[in-house]
Amino acid sequence: MREKHGLTDTLRRVLEAGGERVCVGDIVEALRSRGFGPLILAPALLVLLPTGAVPGVPTVMAGLIVLVAIQRVLGRRHPWLPRRLRAFGLERARFQRGVEWLRPYTERIDRYTDARLAWLTGDIGTRLSAAFCVVLASTIPPLDLVPFAAALPALAIALFALGLAVSDGLLVAIGYLGVPVVAWLLVTQLL
């Protein structure tokens, strides 16, 4: 069985790293190849939250998802980010307060996730999942025309991304279940 990669432990490792500031680059380094997950998850969540009801936001978030996911499809082991984004950060004390605020949520997520179905979170599995994230993200712009319809592909993307972030293949498998549902939604809503 593969090692479990909990969100709480990952955030703790980021905090333990030296330096007065915690930068986005530090977080991506701590996550290693799992760094694709949170970078895909964040824009997917913005589509799922009420911000996704603002016209155009889902389309922009879909573009960000594609930019990150395509890197994994093409075989990159770690996400590439522009230097300015990698350097963006917070003072360590402020980041620590944020981690403490998030801890109950990350611990809850960690309780329900495990290193299951490891083949879905291996090299080929993550590349295939990233490819499906690209496909699902490409369905978001046309669904942006129908109020809240973009939430369905965003939910499937979020499941893929969370599964990749915590190395839980079961979440990835559930994400795959969303693909035919999104196809059905596209056919019924737009045709």
Protein backbone atom coordinates (compact mmCIF):
# COMPACT_ATOMS: atom_id res chain seq x y z
CA MET A 1 0.00 0.00 0.00
CA ARG A 2 1.25 3.47 -0.83
CA GLU A 3 1.95 6.15 1.75
CA LYS A 4 -1.02 8.31 2.65
CA HIS A 5 -0.51 11.98 1.78
CA GLY A 6 -2.76 13.95 4.11
CA LEU A 7 -3.45 17.62 3.59
CA THR A 8 -2.82 18.37 7.28
CA ASP A 9 0.64 16.75 7.19
CA THR A 10 1.51 18.55 3.97
CA LEU A 11 0.61 21.94 5.42
CA ARG A 12 2.63 21.07 8.53
CA ARG A 13 5.66 20.27 6.35
CA VAL A 14 5.30 23.61 4.57
CA LEU A 15 5.24 25.40 7.93
CA GLU A 16 8.34 23.52 9.14
CA ALA A 17 10.37 24.64 6.12
CA GLY A 18 12.70 27.57 6.87
CA GLY A 19 12.11 31.17 5.91
CA GLU A 20 10.15 34.17 7.11
CA ARG A 21 7.64 33.95 4.27
CA VAL A 22 5.67 31.04 2.84
CA CYS A 23 5.41 31.32 -0.93
CA VAL A 24 3.23 29.51 -3.45
CA GLY A 25 6.46 27.89 -4.69
CA ASP A 26 7.08 26.43 -1.21
CA ILE A 27 3.64 24.85 -1.18
CA VAL A 28 4.08 23.39 -4.68
CA GLU A 29 7.50 22.00 -3.65
CA ALA A 30 6.00 20.37 -0.54
CA LEU A 31 3.32 18.73 -2.64
CA ARG A 32 5.76 17.54 -5.35
CA SER A 33 3.79 15.91 -8.17
CA ARG A 34 0.60 16.19 -6.09
CA GLY A 35 0.88 19.97 -6.64
CA PHE A 36 -1.30 19.62 -9.73
CA GLY A 37 -4.27 18.70 -7.54
CA PRO A 38 -4.61 21.93 -5.53
CA LEU A 39 -3.81 24.07 -8.57
CA ILE A 40 -6.70 22.40 -10.40
CA LEU A 41 -8.94 22.27 -7.33
CA ALA A 42 -8.83 26.00 -6.53
CA PRO A 43 -10.41 27.24 -9.81
CA ALA A 44 -12.87 24.31 -9.80
CA LEU A 45 -14.06 25.39 -6.35
CA LEU A 46 -14.48 28.97 -7.57
CA VAL A 47 -16.90 27.62 -10.19
CA LEU A 48 -18.77 25.60 -7.56
CA LEU A 49 -19.08 28.50 -5.11
CA PRO A 50 -21.45 31.44 -5.68
CA THR A 51 -18.66 33.14 -7.67
CA GLY A 52 -19.49 30.61 -10.40
CA ALA A 53 -22.81 32.39 -10.97
CA VAL A 54 -21.00 35.50 -12.20
CA PRO A 55 -21.02 35.35 -16.02
CA GLY A 56 -17.55 34.72 -17.40
CA VAL A 57 -15.98 33.49 -14.14
CA PRO A 58 -16.51 29.79 -14.98
CA THR A 59 -14.93 30.31 -18.41
CA VAL A 60 -11.85 32.02 -16.96
CA MET A 61 -11.50 29.31 -14.29
CA ALA A 62 -11.82 26.63 -16.99
CA GLY A 63 -8.91 28.27 -18.81
CA LEU A 64 -6.79 28.10 -15.65
CA ILE A 65 -7.70 24.44 -15.15
CA VAL A 66 -6.64 23.65 -18.71
CA LEU A 67 -3.32 25.52 -18.32
CA VAL A 68 -2.41 23.47 -15.24
CA ALA A 69 -3.85 20.09 -16.26
CA ILE A 70 -2.29 20.10 -19.73
CA GLN A 71 1.14 20.24 -18.10
CA ARG A 72 0.50 16.88 -16.41
CA VAL A 73 -0.97 15.42 -19.61
CA LEU A 74 2.27 16.35 -21.38
CA GLY A 75 4.29 14.53 -18.71
CA ARG A 76 5.55 17.27 -16.40
CA ARG A 77 6.28 15.84 -12.96
CA HIS A 78 5.83 19.17 -11.15
CA PRO A 79 3.60 22.07 -12.08
CA TRP A 80 5.26 25.03 -13.73
CA LEU A 81 4.20 28.41 -12.46
CA PRO A 82 5.38 31.85 -13.52
CA ARG A 83 8.15 33.23 -11.29
CA ARG A 84 5.92 36.02 -9.94
CA LEU A 85 3.23 33.55 -8.88
CA ARG A 86 5.79 31.20 -7.29
CA ALA A 87 7.19 34.15 -5.33
CA PHE A 88 3.78 35.30 -4.09
CA GLY A 89 3.45 34.52 -0.42
CA LEU A 90 2.48 35.46 3.10
CA GLU A 91 4.38 36.10 6.28
CA ARG A 92 4.89 32.82 8.12
CA ALA A 93 2.76 33.91 11.12
CA ARG A 94 -0.16 34.85 8.87
CA PHE A 95 0.13 31.59 6.94
CA GLN A 96 0.23 29.66 10.22
CA ARG A 97 -3.01 31.34 11.36
CA GLY A 98 -4.59 30.30 8.07
CA VAL A 99 -3.38 26.73 8.50
CA GLU A 100 -4.79 26.63 12.04
CA TRP A 101 -8.13 27.91 10.73
CA LEU A 102 -8.13 25.23 8.00
CA ARG A 103 -6.97 22.39 10.28
CA PRO A 104 -10.44 21.11 11.29
CA TYR A 105 -11.40 20.92 7.60
CA THR A 106 -8.17 19.30 6.43
CA GLU A 107 -8.33 16.77 9.28
CA ARG A 108 -11.89 15.89 8.27
CA ILE A 109 -10.79 15.42 4.65
CA ASP A 110 -7.82 13.33 5.82
CA ARG A 111 -10.13 11.08 7.88
CA TYR A 112 -12.16 10.18 4.81
CA THR A 113 -9.32 9.80 2.32
CA ASP A 114 -6.75 7.05 2.01
CA ALA A 115 -4.25 5.62 -0.47
CA ARG A 116 -6.92 3.53 -2.24
CA LEU A 117 -6.83 2.36 -5.86
CA ALA A 118 -3.20 3.43 -6.16
CA TRP A 119 -3.06 2.70 -9.89
CA LEU A 120 -5.40 5.66 -10.48
CA THR A 121 -2.92 8.02 -8.80
CA GLY A 122 0.24 6.65 -10.39
CA ASP A 123 1.98 8.25 -13.37
CA ILE A 124 -0.38 7.00 -16.08
CA GLY A 125 -3.44 7.43 -13.86
CA THR A 126 -2.65 11.07 -13.07
CA ARG A 127 -1.98 11.87 -16.72
CA LEU A 128 -5.30 10.31 -17.73
CA SER A 129 -7.12 12.15 -14.94
CA ALA A 130 -5.53 15.41 -16.05
CA ALA A 131 -6.68 14.70 -19.62
CA PHE A 132 -10.25 14.27 -18.39
CA CYS A 133 -9.91 17.53 -16.43
CA VAL A 134 -8.97 19.24 -19.71
CA VAL A 135 -11.98 17.68 -21.46
CA LEU A 136 -14.35 18.57 -18.62
CA ALA A 137 -12.97 22.12 -18.42
CA SER A 138 -13.61 22.53 -22.14
CA THR A 139 -17.31 21.88 -21.48
CA ILE A 140 -17.54 24.75 -18.99
CA PRO A 141 -17.58 27.71 -21.46
CA PRO A 142 -20.70 26.52 -23.33
CA LEU A 143 -22.36 25.58 -20.04
CA ASP A 144 -21.58 29.07 -18.72
CA LEU A 145 -24.61 30.16 -20.77
CA VAL A 146 -26.93 28.06 -18.56
CA PRO A 147 -27.09 29.29 -14.94
CA PHE A 148 -25.18 26.97 -12.57
CA ALA A 149 -24.77 24.26 -15.23
CA ALA A 150 -20.99 24.66 -15.13
CA ALA A 151 -21.05 23.40 -11.55
CA LEU A 152 -21.43 19.79 -12.67
CA PRO A 153 -18.17 19.52 -14.65
CA ALA A 154 -16.49 21.63 -11.93
CA LEU A 155 -17.58 19.08 -9.33
CA ALA A 156 -16.11 16.20 -11.34
CA ILE A 157 -12.89 18.21 -11.82
CA ALA A 158 -12.79 18.94 -8.07
CA LEU A 159 -13.07 15.21 -7.31
CA PHE A 160 -10.22 14.44 -9.72
CA ALA A 161 -8.12 17.25 -8.23
CA LEU A 162 -8.73 16.30 -4.61
CA GLY A 163 -7.98 12.66 -5.42
CA LEU A 164 -4.68 13.71 -7.01
CA ALA A 165 -3.81 16.01 -4.10
CA VAL A 166 -4.29 13.32 -1.44
CA SER A 167 -3.37 10.31 -3.64
CA ASP A 168 -6.80 8.73 -3.23
CA GLY A 169 -7.80 6.79 -6.33
CA LEU A 170 -11.35 6.30 -5.05
CA LEU A 171 -12.01 10.04 -5.38
CA VAL A 172 -10.52 9.92 -8.87
CA ALA A 173 -12.83 7.00 -9.74
CA ILE A 174 -15.85 8.96 -8.52
CA GLY A 175 -14.66 11.84 -10.71
CA TYR A 176 -14.80 9.49 -13.71
CA LEU A 177 -18.47 8.85 -12.94
CA GLY A 178 -19.13 12.53 -13.60
CA VAL A 179 -17.91 12.36 -17.19
CA PRO A 180 -21.01 10.66 -18.71
CA VAL A 181 -23.27 12.88 -16.60
CA VAL A 182 -21.59 16.00 -18.03
CA ALA A 183 -21.92 14.56 -21.56
CA TRP A 184 -25.64 14.01 -20.92
CA LEU A 185 -25.98 17.58 -19.60
CA LEU A 186 -24.29 19.01 -22.69
CA VAL A 187 -26.58 17.06 -25.00
CA THR A 188 -29.79 17.94 -23.17
CA GLN A 189 -29.05 21.60 -22.39
CA LEU A 190 -27.31 22.78 -25.51
CA LEU A 191 -28.80 20.74 -28.33
